[in-house]
Amino acid sequence: LPDVYIILASSSDCSIQAFQYSEKPVWGIQFHPEIEIDEARELLQRMVDKGVPTADLFRRVLASPARDSGRIKTIVDNFLAATRRR
């Protein structure tokens, strides 16, 4: 990101998971808590059907049972707390 952004969250899988534009109250977050399991499966199946480069990965995901780590509430709460502090 350009220097005007502050990285708020990252992981070994995603170097920028949340960020803030340092000069304005603008934030971004990289995940989709709004999607339901059935919707996610439909989206992944459409991508497989289109033959996207990651289709093999999506096929493996579709073949596995859905899992909810329960972490989304913590992630959203922490993100909202960070936006209030800035």
Protein backbone atom coordinates (compact mmCIF):
# COMPACT_ATOMS: atom_id res chain seq x y z
CA LEU A 1 0.00 0.00 0.00
CA PRO A 2 1.12 3.59 -0.48
CA ASP A 3 2.46 5.36 2.61
CA VAL A 4 -0.86 7.16 3.22
CA TYR A 5 -2.34 3.84 4.42
CA ILE A 6 -1.82 2.16 7.78
CA ILE A 7 -2.02 -1.65 7.90
CA LEU A 8 -4.21 -2.64 10.85
CA ALA A 9 -4.20 -6.43 10.44
CA SER A 10 -2.22 -9.05 8.55
CA SER A 11 -1.42 -12.75 8.64
CA SER A 12 0.93 -15.20 7.00
CA ASP A 13 -1.79 -15.87 4.39
CA CYS A 14 -2.72 -12.25 3.69
CA SER A 15 -0.30 -9.36 4.17
CA ILE A 16 -3.09 -6.78 4.26
CA GLN A 17 -6.32 -7.85 5.97
CA ALA A 18 -7.40 -4.46 7.27
CA PHE A 19 -6.14 -0.94 6.66
CA GLN A 20 -6.90 2.72 7.27
CA TYR A 21 -6.39 5.69 5.02
CA SER A 22 -4.33 7.83 7.41
CA GLU A 23 -5.67 11.22 6.34
CA LYS A 24 -9.40 10.43 6.49
CA PRO A 25 -11.80 8.19 8.43
CA VAL A 26 -11.68 5.50 5.74
CA TRP A 27 -11.03 1.82 6.49
CA GLY A 28 -10.92 -1.37 4.50
CA ILE A 29 -11.13 -5.01 5.48
CA GLN A 30 -10.36 -8.14 3.42
CA PHE A 31 -12.96 -10.78 4.12
CA HIS A 32 -16.66 -11.32 3.62
CA PRO A 33 -18.60 -11.86 6.86
CA GLU A 34 -21.86 -11.11 5.08
CA ILE A 35 -21.88 -14.27 2.98
CA GLU A 36 -23.83 -17.31 4.14
CA ILE A 37 -22.52 -20.86 3.66
CA ASP A 38 -25.02 -21.68 0.89
CA GLU A 39 -24.19 -18.44 -0.94
CA ALA A 40 -20.47 -19.14 -0.62
CA ARG A 41 -20.91 -22.63 -2.03
CA GLU A 42 -22.91 -21.25 -4.98
CA LEU A 43 -20.24 -18.62 -5.64
CA LEU A 44 -17.43 -21.18 -5.53
CA GLN A 45 -19.38 -23.54 -7.82
CA ARG A 46 -19.92 -20.75 -10.36
CA MET A 47 -16.19 -20.07 -10.33
CA VAL A 48 -15.43 -23.76 -10.83
CA ASP A 49 -17.92 -23.83 -13.71
CA LYS A 50 -16.14 -20.86 -15.30
CA GLY A 51 -12.83 -22.69 -15.07
CA VAL A 52 -10.98 -20.13 -12.96
CA PRO A 53 -7.31 -20.94 -12.24
CA THR A 54 -8.16 -21.82 -8.61
CA ALA A 55 -10.95 -24.25 -9.59
CA ASP A 56 -9.12 -27.27 -8.12
CA LEU A 57 -8.86 -25.56 -4.74
CA PHE A 58 -12.53 -24.57 -4.89
CA ARG A 59 -13.52 -28.16 -5.73
CA ARG A 60 -11.69 -29.38 -2.61
CA VAL A 61 -13.43 -26.73 -0.52
CA LEU A 62 -16.82 -27.68 -1.93
CA ALA A 63 -16.16 -31.33 -1.13
CA SER A 64 -15.40 -30.59 2.52
CA PRO A 65 -17.90 -29.88 5.29
CA ALA A 66 -18.55 -26.23 6.13
CA ARG A 67 -16.73 -25.00 9.20
CA ASP A 68 -17.22 -21.92 11.31
CA SER A 69 -14.22 -21.04 13.46
CA GLY A 70 -16.34 -18.58 15.42
CA ARG A 71 -13.62 -15.96 14.92
CA ILE A 72 -15.65 -13.60 12.77
CA LYS A 73 -17.26 -11.83 15.73
CA THR A 74 -13.84 -11.18 17.28
CA ILE A 75 -12.44 -9.94 13.96
CA VAL A 76 -15.34 -7.54 13.40
CA ASP A 77 -15.29 -6.33 17.03
CA ASN A 78 -11.53 -5.68 16.88
CA PHE A 79 -11.84 -3.92 13.53
CA LEU A 80 -14.62 -1.66 14.80
CA ALA A 81 -12.67 -0.91 17.99
CA ALA A 82 -9.64 0.08 15.90
CA THR A 83 -11.74 2.41 13.74
CA ARG A 84 -13.11 4.14 16.85
CA ARG A 85 -9.63 4.76 18.27
CA ARG A 86 -8.33 6.52 15.17
